[in-house]
N, C-alpha and C. Protein backbone atom coordinates (compact mmCIF):
# COMPACT_ATOMS: atom_id res chain seq x y z
N UNK A 1 108.40 -102.94 -7.08
CA UNK A 1 107.35 -101.95 -7.06
C UNK A 1 106.61 -102.05 -5.72
N UNK A 2 106.41 -100.91 -5.07
CA UNK A 2 105.69 -100.92 -3.80
C UNK A 2 104.19 -100.70 -4.05
N UNK A 3 103.41 -101.28 -3.20
CA UNK A 3 101.95 -101.16 -3.29
C UNK A 3 101.51 -100.12 -2.26
N UNK A 4 100.69 -99.18 -2.71
CA UNK A 4 100.17 -98.17 -1.80
C UNK A 4 98.70 -98.44 -1.58
N UNK A 5 98.28 -98.26 -0.35
CA UNK A 5 96.88 -98.44 0.00
C UNK A 5 96.32 -97.09 0.39
N UNK A 6 95.10 -96.84 -0.03
CA UNK A 6 94.46 -95.57 0.31
C UNK A 6 93.04 -95.82 0.78
N UNK A 7 92.65 -95.04 1.75
CA UNK A 7 91.27 -95.03 2.23
C UNK A 7 90.82 -93.59 2.17
N UNK A 8 89.73 -93.34 1.47
CA UNK A 8 89.22 -91.99 1.31
C UNK A 8 87.87 -91.89 2.00
N UNK A 9 87.71 -90.91 2.84
CA UNK A 9 86.45 -90.68 3.53
C UNK A 9 85.87 -89.35 3.08
N UNK A 10 84.62 -89.36 2.63
CA UNK A 10 83.92 -88.13 2.31
C UNK A 10 83.19 -87.66 3.54
N UNK A 11 83.24 -86.38 3.80
CA UNK A 11 82.62 -85.85 5.00
C UNK A 11 81.14 -86.11 5.15
N UNK A 12 80.32 -85.46 4.34
CA UNK A 12 78.88 -85.53 4.52
C UNK A 12 78.27 -86.88 4.22
N UNK A 13 78.84 -87.61 3.32
CA UNK A 13 78.23 -88.87 2.90
C UNK A 13 78.59 -90.04 3.80
N UNK A 14 79.69 -89.93 4.54
CA UNK A 14 80.16 -91.07 5.31
C UNK A 14 80.24 -90.76 6.80
N UNK A 15 80.82 -89.65 7.14
CA UNK A 15 81.10 -89.37 8.54
C UNK A 15 79.94 -88.74 9.30
N UNK A 16 78.89 -88.34 8.60
CA UNK A 16 77.75 -87.71 9.28
C UNK A 16 76.52 -88.58 9.19
N UNK A 17 75.76 -88.61 10.28
CA UNK A 17 74.49 -89.33 10.28
C UNK A 17 73.43 -88.42 10.88
N UNK A 18 72.19 -88.49 10.48
CA UNK A 18 71.74 -89.27 9.33
C UNK A 18 72.26 -88.66 8.04
N UNK A 19 72.08 -89.37 6.96
CA UNK A 19 72.59 -88.88 5.67
C UNK A 19 71.90 -87.57 5.29
N UNK A 20 72.67 -86.69 4.70
CA UNK A 20 72.17 -85.36 4.33
C UNK A 20 70.91 -85.39 3.47
N UNK A 21 70.83 -86.24 2.43
CA UNK A 21 69.62 -86.24 1.62
C UNK A 21 68.35 -86.53 2.41
N UNK A 22 68.45 -87.34 3.44
CA UNK A 22 67.28 -87.64 4.28
C UNK A 22 66.81 -86.37 4.99
N UNK A 23 67.74 -85.61 5.53
CA UNK A 23 67.38 -84.37 6.22
C UNK A 23 66.86 -83.32 5.25
N UNK A 24 67.43 -83.27 4.07
CA UNK A 24 66.94 -82.32 3.06
C UNK A 24 65.51 -82.65 2.67
N UNK A 25 65.21 -83.92 2.51
CA UNK A 25 63.85 -84.33 2.16
C UNK A 25 62.85 -84.00 3.26
N UNK A 26 63.26 -84.17 4.50
CA UNK A 26 62.37 -83.82 5.63
C UNK A 26 62.07 -82.32 5.61
N UNK A 27 63.08 -81.52 5.33
CA UNK A 27 62.87 -80.07 5.27
C UNK A 27 61.95 -79.71 4.11
N UNK A 28 62.18 -80.34 2.95
CA UNK A 28 61.32 -80.08 1.78
C UNK A 28 59.86 -80.38 2.12
N UNK A 29 59.61 -81.50 2.76
CA UNK A 29 58.25 -81.86 3.15
C UNK A 29 57.67 -80.84 4.12
N UNK A 30 58.47 -80.41 5.07
CA UNK A 30 58.00 -79.47 6.09
C UNK A 30 57.59 -78.12 5.52
N UNK A 31 58.30 -77.66 4.49
CA UNK A 31 57.99 -76.33 3.93
C UNK A 31 57.20 -76.39 2.64
N UNK A 32 56.92 -77.60 2.14
CA UNK A 32 56.11 -77.75 0.93
C UNK A 32 56.88 -77.61 -0.37
N UNK A 33 58.14 -78.00 -0.37
CA UNK A 33 58.93 -77.99 -1.60
C UNK A 33 58.79 -79.31 -2.34
N UNK A 34 59.04 -79.27 -3.63
CA UNK A 34 59.06 -80.49 -4.43
C UNK A 34 60.14 -81.43 -3.89
N UNK A 35 59.85 -82.71 -3.94
CA UNK A 35 60.81 -83.73 -3.48
C UNK A 35 62.11 -83.64 -4.28
N UNK A 36 63.23 -83.67 -3.59
CA UNK A 36 64.58 -83.62 -4.14
C UNK A 36 64.95 -82.27 -4.77
N UNK A 37 64.16 -81.24 -4.52
CA UNK A 37 64.49 -79.91 -5.05
C UNK A 37 65.86 -79.45 -4.56
N UNK A 38 66.11 -79.57 -3.25
CA UNK A 38 67.37 -79.10 -2.69
C UNK A 38 68.55 -79.91 -3.20
N UNK A 39 68.41 -81.22 -3.20
CA UNK A 39 69.49 -82.10 -3.69
C UNK A 39 69.79 -81.79 -5.16
N UNK A 40 68.75 -81.63 -5.97
CA UNK A 40 68.95 -81.32 -7.39
C UNK A 40 69.61 -79.96 -7.58
N UNK A 41 69.25 -79.01 -6.73
CA UNK A 41 69.88 -77.68 -6.82
C UNK A 41 71.37 -77.79 -6.50
N UNK A 42 71.71 -78.58 -5.50
CA UNK A 42 73.12 -78.78 -5.15
C UNK A 42 73.86 -79.45 -6.32
N UNK A 43 73.27 -80.50 -6.85
CA UNK A 43 73.93 -81.26 -7.93
C UNK A 43 74.11 -80.43 -9.20
N UNK A 44 73.20 -79.49 -9.46
CA UNK A 44 73.34 -78.63 -10.64
C UNK A 44 74.63 -77.81 -10.60
N UNK A 45 75.16 -77.62 -9.39
CA UNK A 45 76.41 -76.88 -9.23
C UNK A 45 77.61 -77.66 -9.71
N UNK A 46 77.41 -78.94 -10.01
CA UNK A 46 78.50 -79.76 -10.53
C UNK A 46 79.55 -80.07 -9.48
N UNK A 47 80.72 -80.50 -9.93
CA UNK A 47 81.76 -80.91 -9.00
C UNK A 47 82.36 -79.76 -8.20
N UNK A 48 82.00 -78.54 -8.55
CA UNK A 48 82.49 -77.37 -7.82
C UNK A 48 81.32 -76.63 -7.17
N UNK A 49 80.31 -77.39 -6.67
CA UNK A 49 79.14 -76.76 -6.06
C UNK A 49 79.52 -76.07 -4.75
N UNK A 50 78.57 -75.34 -4.18
CA UNK A 50 78.91 -74.55 -3.00
C UNK A 50 79.34 -75.40 -1.81
N UNK A 51 78.80 -76.60 -1.69
CA UNK A 51 79.18 -77.46 -0.58
C UNK A 51 80.64 -77.92 -0.73
N UNK A 52 81.04 -78.23 -1.93
CA UNK A 52 82.43 -78.63 -2.19
C UNK A 52 83.36 -77.45 -1.92
N UNK A 53 82.97 -76.27 -2.40
CA UNK A 53 83.80 -75.08 -2.17
C UNK A 53 83.92 -74.77 -0.68
N UNK A 54 82.84 -74.97 0.06
CA UNK A 54 82.88 -74.73 1.51
C UNK A 54 83.78 -75.75 2.20
N UNK A 55 83.68 -77.03 1.79
CA UNK A 55 84.55 -78.06 2.36
C UNK A 55 86.02 -77.75 2.12
N UNK A 56 86.32 -77.11 1.00
CA UNK A 56 87.70 -76.76 0.67
C UNK A 56 88.14 -75.46 1.36
N UNK A 57 87.23 -74.84 2.10
CA UNK A 57 87.57 -73.59 2.78
C UNK A 57 87.51 -72.37 1.90
N UNK A 58 86.87 -72.50 0.74
CA UNK A 58 86.79 -71.39 -0.20
C UNK A 58 85.60 -70.47 0.09
N UNK A 59 84.67 -70.93 0.94
CA UNK A 59 83.52 -70.12 1.33
C UNK A 59 83.35 -70.19 2.84
N UNK A 60 82.95 -69.08 3.42
CA UNK A 60 82.56 -69.10 4.83
C UNK A 60 81.13 -69.64 4.91
N UNK A 61 80.69 -69.99 6.10
CA UNK A 61 79.33 -70.48 6.27
C UNK A 61 78.32 -69.41 5.84
N UNK A 62 78.59 -68.17 6.17
CA UNK A 62 77.69 -67.07 5.79
C UNK A 62 77.60 -66.97 4.27
N UNK A 63 78.73 -67.06 3.59
CA UNK A 63 78.74 -67.02 2.12
C UNK A 63 77.99 -68.22 1.55
N UNK A 64 78.21 -69.38 2.13
CA UNK A 64 77.57 -70.60 1.65
C UNK A 64 76.05 -70.50 1.77
N UNK A 65 75.57 -70.03 2.90
CA UNK A 65 74.12 -69.89 3.11
C UNK A 65 73.55 -68.91 2.10
N UNK A 66 74.19 -67.78 1.95
CA UNK A 66 73.72 -66.75 1.01
C UNK A 66 73.70 -67.26 -0.43
N UNK A 67 74.78 -67.93 -0.84
CA UNK A 67 74.86 -68.43 -2.22
C UNK A 67 73.88 -69.57 -2.46
N UNK A 68 73.68 -70.43 -1.46
CA UNK A 68 72.73 -71.53 -1.64
C UNK A 68 71.30 -70.99 -1.72
N UNK A 69 71.01 -69.99 -0.94
CA UNK A 69 69.68 -69.35 -1.00
C UNK A 69 69.45 -68.80 -2.41
N UNK A 70 70.47 -68.12 -2.96
CA UNK A 70 70.35 -67.56 -4.32
C UNK A 70 70.20 -68.67 -5.36
N UNK A 71 70.95 -69.76 -5.20
CA UNK A 71 70.84 -70.88 -6.15
C UNK A 71 69.44 -71.51 -6.08
N UNK A 72 68.89 -71.61 -4.87
CA UNK A 72 67.53 -72.17 -4.73
C UNK A 72 66.50 -71.27 -5.40
N UNK A 73 66.66 -69.97 -5.22
CA UNK A 73 65.74 -69.03 -5.85
C UNK A 73 65.82 -69.16 -7.37
N UNK A 74 67.03 -69.25 -7.89
CA UNK A 74 67.23 -69.39 -9.34
C UNK A 74 66.62 -70.71 -9.84
N UNK A 75 66.83 -71.80 -9.12
CA UNK A 75 66.27 -73.09 -9.51
C UNK A 75 64.75 -73.05 -9.52
N UNK A 76 64.17 -72.45 -8.50
CA UNK A 76 62.71 -72.36 -8.44
C UNK A 76 62.18 -71.55 -9.62
N UNK A 77 62.81 -70.44 -9.92
CA UNK A 77 62.40 -69.60 -11.04
C UNK A 77 62.50 -70.38 -12.35
N UNK A 78 63.62 -71.08 -12.53
CA UNK A 78 63.82 -71.88 -13.75
C UNK A 78 62.79 -73.00 -13.87
N UNK A 79 62.33 -73.53 -12.73
CA UNK A 79 61.34 -74.60 -12.74
C UNK A 79 59.91 -74.06 -12.74
N UNK A 80 59.76 -72.74 -12.72
CA UNK A 80 58.45 -72.13 -12.85
C UNK A 80 57.60 -72.06 -11.60
N UNK A 81 58.23 -71.96 -10.44
CA UNK A 81 57.45 -71.79 -9.21
C UNK A 81 58.19 -70.88 -8.25
N UNK A 82 57.48 -70.42 -7.24
CA UNK A 82 58.07 -69.57 -6.21
C UNK A 82 58.37 -70.40 -4.98
N UNK A 83 59.41 -70.05 -4.30
CA UNK A 83 59.73 -70.73 -3.05
C UNK A 83 58.66 -70.40 -2.01
N UNK A 84 58.31 -71.35 -1.16
CA UNK A 84 57.31 -71.10 -0.12
C UNK A 84 57.76 -69.97 0.82
N UNK A 85 56.81 -69.26 1.38
CA UNK A 85 57.12 -68.13 2.26
C UNK A 85 57.98 -68.55 3.45
N UNK A 86 57.77 -69.77 3.96
CA UNK A 86 58.51 -70.23 5.13
C UNK A 86 59.89 -70.79 4.79
N UNK A 87 60.24 -70.82 3.50
CA UNK A 87 61.54 -71.33 3.07
C UNK A 87 62.66 -70.44 3.58
N UNK A 88 63.68 -71.05 4.19
CA UNK A 88 64.83 -70.30 4.68
C UNK A 88 66.03 -71.23 4.77
N UNK A 89 67.05 -70.94 4.01
CA UNK A 89 68.26 -71.74 4.07
C UNK A 89 68.91 -71.60 5.44
N UNK A 90 68.81 -70.43 6.03
CA UNK A 90 69.37 -70.24 7.37
C UNK A 90 68.69 -71.17 8.37
N UNK A 91 67.37 -71.29 8.31
CA UNK A 91 66.66 -72.20 9.21
C UNK A 91 67.04 -73.65 8.90
N UNK A 92 67.17 -73.99 7.61
CA UNK A 92 67.59 -75.34 7.23
C UNK A 92 68.94 -75.67 7.85
N UNK A 93 69.90 -74.76 7.76
CA UNK A 93 71.23 -75.01 8.28
C UNK A 93 71.22 -75.13 9.80
N UNK A 94 70.34 -74.37 10.46
CA UNK A 94 70.22 -74.52 11.92
C UNK A 94 69.71 -75.91 12.25
N UNK A 95 68.72 -76.39 11.49
CA UNK A 95 68.20 -77.74 11.70
C UNK A 95 69.28 -78.78 11.43
N UNK A 96 70.04 -78.60 10.37
CA UNK A 96 71.11 -79.54 10.04
C UNK A 96 72.16 -79.58 11.16
N UNK A 97 72.49 -78.43 11.71
CA UNK A 97 73.54 -78.38 12.73
C UNK A 97 73.13 -79.12 13.99
N UNK A 98 71.84 -79.16 14.28
CA UNK A 98 71.40 -79.90 15.47
C UNK A 98 71.14 -81.38 15.16
N UNK A 99 70.78 -81.70 13.92
CA UNK A 99 70.41 -83.07 13.56
C UNK A 99 71.61 -83.93 13.18
N UNK A 100 72.60 -83.34 12.52
CA UNK A 100 73.75 -84.13 12.05
C UNK A 100 74.69 -84.47 13.19
N UNK A 101 75.07 -85.72 13.23
CA UNK A 101 76.01 -86.20 14.24
C UNK A 101 77.18 -86.89 13.54
N UNK A 102 78.35 -86.80 14.14
CA UNK A 102 79.53 -87.45 13.59
C UNK A 102 79.46 -88.94 13.92
N UNK A 103 79.74 -89.76 12.91
CA UNK A 103 79.82 -91.20 13.09
C UNK A 103 81.18 -91.47 13.76
N UNK A 104 81.19 -91.44 15.08
CA UNK A 104 82.44 -91.50 15.84
C UNK A 104 83.26 -92.75 15.57
N UNK A 105 82.67 -93.96 15.50
CA UNK A 105 83.50 -95.13 15.20
C UNK A 105 84.22 -95.02 13.85
N UNK A 106 83.56 -94.46 12.86
CA UNK A 106 84.19 -94.30 11.56
C UNK A 106 85.30 -93.25 11.61
N UNK A 107 85.05 -92.17 12.32
CA UNK A 107 86.08 -91.14 12.48
C UNK A 107 87.28 -91.71 13.22
N UNK A 108 87.03 -92.49 14.26
CA UNK A 108 88.14 -93.12 15.00
C UNK A 108 88.95 -94.04 14.09
N UNK A 109 88.27 -94.81 13.25
CA UNK A 109 88.97 -95.70 12.31
C UNK A 109 89.83 -94.90 11.35
N UNK A 110 89.31 -93.80 10.85
CA UNK A 110 90.08 -92.96 9.92
C UNK A 110 91.31 -92.39 10.62
N UNK A 111 91.15 -91.96 11.87
CA UNK A 111 92.29 -91.40 12.59
C UNK A 111 93.34 -92.48 12.87
N UNK A 112 92.91 -93.69 13.19
CA UNK A 112 93.87 -94.79 13.41
C UNK A 112 94.65 -95.09 12.15
N UNK A 113 93.94 -95.13 11.02
CA UNK A 113 94.62 -95.38 9.74
C UNK A 113 95.64 -94.29 9.45
N UNK A 114 95.24 -93.06 9.67
CA UNK A 114 96.16 -91.95 9.41
C UNK A 114 97.37 -91.99 10.33
N UNK A 115 97.11 -92.30 11.60
CA UNK A 115 98.22 -92.35 12.57
C UNK A 115 99.19 -93.49 12.31
N UNK A 116 98.75 -94.48 11.54
CA UNK A 116 99.62 -95.60 11.21
C UNK A 116 100.22 -95.47 9.81
N UNK A 117 100.25 -94.25 9.32
CA UNK A 117 100.93 -93.99 8.07
C UNK A 117 100.09 -94.15 6.82
N UNK A 118 98.81 -94.40 6.95
CA UNK A 118 97.96 -94.52 5.76
C UNK A 118 97.15 -93.24 5.66
N UNK A 119 97.61 -92.35 4.81
CA UNK A 119 96.89 -91.08 4.60
C UNK A 119 97.09 -90.56 3.20
């Protein structure tokens, strides 16, 4: 029997810094949202949430932004409050795109593993 080794890397949780929840919390504080509102809204989507669908190529960035905005509005309504006037998923994503950096040493390690037949 042969032994197989696998290394699995998740995009947002491992290869990007700083961690996404930290940036989401900073945005929540900046616009006056409840702590962990955004993270909880994402998690309510379950294993097929919009971020997972986008990672799989099932949504464009434009679709993802639009659907996440709608999910946030629905979550706020269900929790009995209105989103702050300055709330904007588009602005959040612009902030994320400038703040998130690839953890290059980890990406290099993953590429080396893949190039040596471990994928």
